[in-house]
Amino acid sequence: MIDNPDDLKDFIVKSLEERKADNIVVIPLQDEVPLAKYMIFASGRSVKNISAMAEYLSLQLKHSAYVKPSVEGLKGSDWVLLDAGDVIVHLFHPETRSHLKLEELWTKRK
């Protein structure tokens, strides 16, 4: 069981690396944002690849970390959001990621 936000973040990053996610970026939210401690952004090569990464991560979290994530956009989407409590994960198609620029919103929030 993972009960530490830092360990959960590391577990998720390792899982994404195992599935060959591209351009993984971790943004610490610290205590200024009550919804989570970290936000992770990563890219996949296709809609199918993004769905597969999200399903794999969801299963890994349930069975190895004992965290039940909430997943949105899993079927046929170029952006999947996975909420694992202290860590929120965004999986994007590269074009969608560059178009939405969500990372910029979170890094320039101060």
C-alpha atoms as a PDB file:
ATOM      1  CA  MET A   1       0.000   0.000   0.000  1.00  0.00           C
ATOM      2  CA  ILE A   2       1.315   3.432  -0.934  1.00  0.00           C
ATOM      3  CA  ASP A   3       0.303   6.126   1.535  1.00  0.00           C
ATOM      4  CA  ASN A   4       2.941   8.756   0.750  1.00  0.00           C
ATOM      5  CA  PRO A   5       2.372  11.244  -2.135  1.00  0.00           C
ATOM      6  CA  ASP A   6       6.052  11.145  -3.126  1.00  0.00           C
ATOM      7  CA  ASP A   7       6.045   7.343  -3.349  1.00  0.00           C
ATOM      8  CA  LEU A   8       2.791   7.415  -5.332  1.00  0.00           C
ATOM      9  CA  LYS A   9       4.301   9.924  -7.767  1.00  0.00           C
ATOM     10  CA  ASP A  10       7.401   7.743  -8.194  1.00  0.00           C
ATOM     11  CA  PHE A  11       5.254   4.629  -8.709  1.00  0.00           C
ATOM     12  CA  ILE A  12       3.228   6.369 -11.433  1.00  0.00           C
ATOM     13  CA  VAL A  13       6.290   7.753 -13.228  1.00  0.00           C
ATOM     14  CA  LYS A  14       7.900   4.294 -13.216  1.00  0.00           C
ATOM     15  CA  SER A  15       4.715   2.746 -14.603  1.00  0.00           C
ATOM     16  CA  LEU A  16       4.535   5.358 -17.379  1.00  0.00           C
ATOM     17  CA  GLU A  17       8.195   4.781 -18.226  1.00  0.00           C
ATOM     18  CA  GLU A  18       7.558   1.025 -18.455  1.00  0.00           C
ATOM     19  CA  ARG A  19       4.806   1.705 -21.007  1.00  0.00           C
ATOM     20  CA  LYS A  20       7.121   3.991 -23.002  1.00  0.00           C
ATOM     21  CA  ALA A  21       5.274   7.242 -22.303  1.00  0.00           C
ATOM     22  CA  ASP A  22       6.933  10.251 -23.905  1.00  0.00           C
ATOM     23  CA  ASN A  23       7.876  13.600 -22.390  1.00  0.00           C
ATOM     24  CA  ILE A  24       6.908  12.861 -18.772  1.00  0.00           C
ATOM     25  CA  VAL A  25       6.706  16.062 -16.726  1.00  0.00           C
ATOM     26  CA  VAL A  26       6.009  16.170 -12.982  1.00  0.00           C
ATOM     27  CA  ILE A  27       4.750  19.421 -11.476  1.00  0.00           C
ATOM     28  CA  PRO A  28       4.705  19.679  -7.676  1.00  0.00           C
ATOM     29  CA  LEU A  29       1.615  21.538  -6.510  1.00  0.00           C
ATOM     30  CA  GLN A  30       2.784  21.859  -2.917  1.00  0.00           C
ATOM     31  CA  ASP A  31       0.173  23.034  -0.433  1.00  0.00           C
ATOM     32  CA  GLU A  32      -1.200  25.885  -2.520  1.00  0.00           C
ATOM     33  CA  VAL A  33      -3.572  23.603  -4.439  1.00  0.00           C
ATOM     34  CA  PRO A  34      -5.744  21.410  -2.193  1.00  0.00           C
ATOM     35  CA  LEU A  35      -6.796  18.954  -4.908  1.00  0.00           C
ATOM     36  CA  ALA A  36      -3.466  17.081  -5.189  1.00  0.00           C
ATOM     37  CA  LYS A  37       0.247  17.158  -4.383  1.00  0.00           C
ATOM     38  CA  TYR A  38       1.498  16.443  -7.911  1.00  0.00           C
ATOM     39  CA  MET A  39       0.322  16.737 -11.478  1.00  0.00           C
ATOM     40  CA  ILE A  40       1.944  14.502 -14.089  1.00  0.00           C
ATOM     41  CA  PHE A  41       1.793  15.090 -17.842  1.00  0.00           C
ATOM     42  CA  ALA A  42       2.841  12.520 -20.438  1.00  0.00           C
ATOM     43  CA  SER A  43       2.287  11.806 -24.112  1.00  0.00           C
ATOM     44  CA  GLY A  44       1.410   8.680 -26.038  1.00  0.00           C
ATOM     45  CA  ARG A  45       1.864   7.932 -29.721  1.00  0.00           C
ATOM     46  CA  SER A  46      -1.779   7.297 -30.596  1.00  0.00           C
ATOM     47  CA  VAL A  47      -5.265   7.220 -29.089  1.00  0.00           C
ATOM     48  CA  LYS A  48      -4.955   3.452 -28.686  1.00  0.00           C
ATOM     49  CA  ASN A  49      -1.551   3.815 -27.009  1.00  0.00           C
ATOM     50  CA  ILE A  50      -2.900   6.465 -24.607  1.00  0.00           C
ATOM     51  CA  SER A  51      -5.841   4.231 -23.641  1.00  0.00           C
ATOM     52  CA  ALA A  52      -3.504   1.271 -23.113  1.00  0.00           C
ATOM     53  CA  MET A  53      -1.193   3.324 -20.887  1.00  0.00           C
ATOM     54  CA  ALA A  54      -4.152   4.573 -18.832  1.00  0.00           C
ATOM     55  CA  GLU A  55      -5.620   1.077 -18.427  1.00  0.00           C
ATOM     56  CA  TYR A  56      -2.222  -0.352 -17.440  1.00  0.00           C
ATOM     57  CA  LEU A  57      -1.601   2.441 -14.929  1.00  0.00           C
ATOM     58  CA  SER A  58      -5.095   2.060 -13.489  1.00  0.00           C
ATOM     59  CA  LEU A  59      -4.593  -1.685 -12.990  1.00  0.00           C
ATOM     60  CA  GLN A  60      -1.121  -1.182 -11.518  1.00  0.00           C
ATOM     61  CA  LEU A  61      -2.486   1.347  -9.045  1.00  0.00           C
ATOM     62  CA  LYS A  62      -5.354  -0.943  -8.001  1.00  0.00           C
ATOM     63  CA  HIS A  63      -3.354  -4.158  -7.661  1.00  0.00           C
ATOM     64  CA  SER A  64       0.091  -2.979  -6.555  1.00  0.00           C
ATOM     65  CA  ALA A  65      -0.470   0.359  -4.821  1.00  0.00           C
ATOM     66  CA  TYR A  66      -4.018  -0.319  -3.556  1.00  0.00           C
ATOM     67  CA  VAL A  67      -5.225   3.001  -4.933  1.00  0.00           C
ATOM     68  CA  LYS A  68      -8.502   3.123  -6.850  1.00  0.00           C
ATOM     69  CA  PRO A  69      -8.119   5.860  -9.460  1.00  0.00           C
ATOM     70  CA  SER A  70     -10.878   7.690 -11.267  1.00  0.00           C
ATOM     71  CA  VAL A  71     -10.365   7.712 -15.045  1.00  0.00           C
ATOM     72  CA  GLU A  72     -11.988  10.034 -17.584  1.00  0.00           C
ATOM     73  CA  GLY A  73     -11.728   9.922 -21.391  1.00  0.00           C
ATOM     74  CA  LEU A  74     -10.521   6.337 -21.613  1.00  0.00           C
ATOM     75  CA  LYS A  75     -12.397   5.265 -24.718  1.00  0.00           C
ATOM     76  CA  GLY A  76     -11.240   6.843 -27.956  1.00  0.00           C
ATOM     77  CA  SER A  77      -9.848  10.058 -26.550  1.00  0.00           C
ATOM     78  CA  ASP A  78      -6.639  11.936 -27.216  1.00  0.00           C
ATOM     79  CA  TRP A  79      -6.635  13.144 -23.583  1.00  0.00           C
ATOM     80  CA  VAL A  80      -7.131  10.847 -20.590  1.00  0.00           C
ATOM     81  CA  LEU A  81      -7.263  12.164 -17.044  1.00  0.00           C
ATOM     82  CA  LEU A  82      -6.478   9.805 -14.187  1.00  0.00           C
ATOM     83  CA  ASP A  83      -7.085  10.978 -10.617  1.00  0.00           C
ATOM     84  CA  ALA A  84      -5.142   8.921  -8.076  1.00  0.00           C
ATOM     85  CA  GLY A  85      -5.850  11.197  -5.127  1.00  0.00           C
ATOM     86  CA  ASP A  86      -2.575  12.936  -4.337  1.00  0.00           C
ATOM     87  CA  VAL A  87      -1.456  12.630  -7.965  1.00  0.00           C
ATOM     88  CA  ILE A  88      -3.378  13.644 -11.078  1.00  0.00           C
ATOM     89  CA  VAL A  89      -2.160  12.260 -14.399  1.00  0.00           C
ATOM     90  CA  HIS A  90      -2.855  13.719 -17.828  1.00  0.00           C
ATOM     91  CA  LEU A  91      -2.102  11.481 -20.828  1.00  0.00           C
ATOM     92  CA  PHE A  92      -2.210  13.269 -24.164  1.00  0.00           C
ATOM     93  CA  HIS A  93      -1.707  12.828 -27.854  1.00  0.00           C
ATOM     94  CA  PRO A  94       1.240  15.200 -28.574  1.00  0.00           C
ATOM     95  CA  GLU A  95      -0.828  17.520 -30.791  1.00  0.00           C
ATOM     96  CA  THR A  96      -3.564  17.864 -28.165  1.00  0.00           C
ATOM     97  CA  ARG A  97      -0.979  18.457 -25.462  1.00  0.00           C
ATOM     98  CA  SER A  98       0.682  21.284 -27.381  1.00  0.00           C
ATOM     99  CA  HIS A  99      -2.692  22.783 -28.317  1.00  0.00           C
ATOM    100  CA  LEU A 100      -4.168  22.830 -24.781  1.00  0.00           C
ATOM    101  CA  LYS A 101      -0.948  23.905 -23.040  1.00  0.00           C
ATOM    102  CA  LEU A 102      -2.186  22.809 -19.616  1.00  0.00           C
ATOM    103  CA  GLU A 103       1.368  22.439 -18.321  1.00  0.00           C
ATOM    104  CA  GLU A 104       1.921  26.151 -18.880  1.00  0.00           C
ATOM    105  CA  LEU A 105      -1.130  26.982 -16.771  1.00  0.00           C
ATOM    106  CA  TRP A 106       0.216  24.966 -13.838  1.00  0.00           C
ATOM    107  CA  THR A 107       3.817  26.138 -14.102  1.00  0.00           C
ATOM    108  CA  LYS A 108       2.843  29.828 -14.405  1.00  0.00           C
ATOM    109  CA  ARG A 109       0.228  29.848 -11.647  1.00  0.00           C
ATOM    110  CA  LYS A 110       2.306  31.936  -9.246  1.00  0.00           C
END
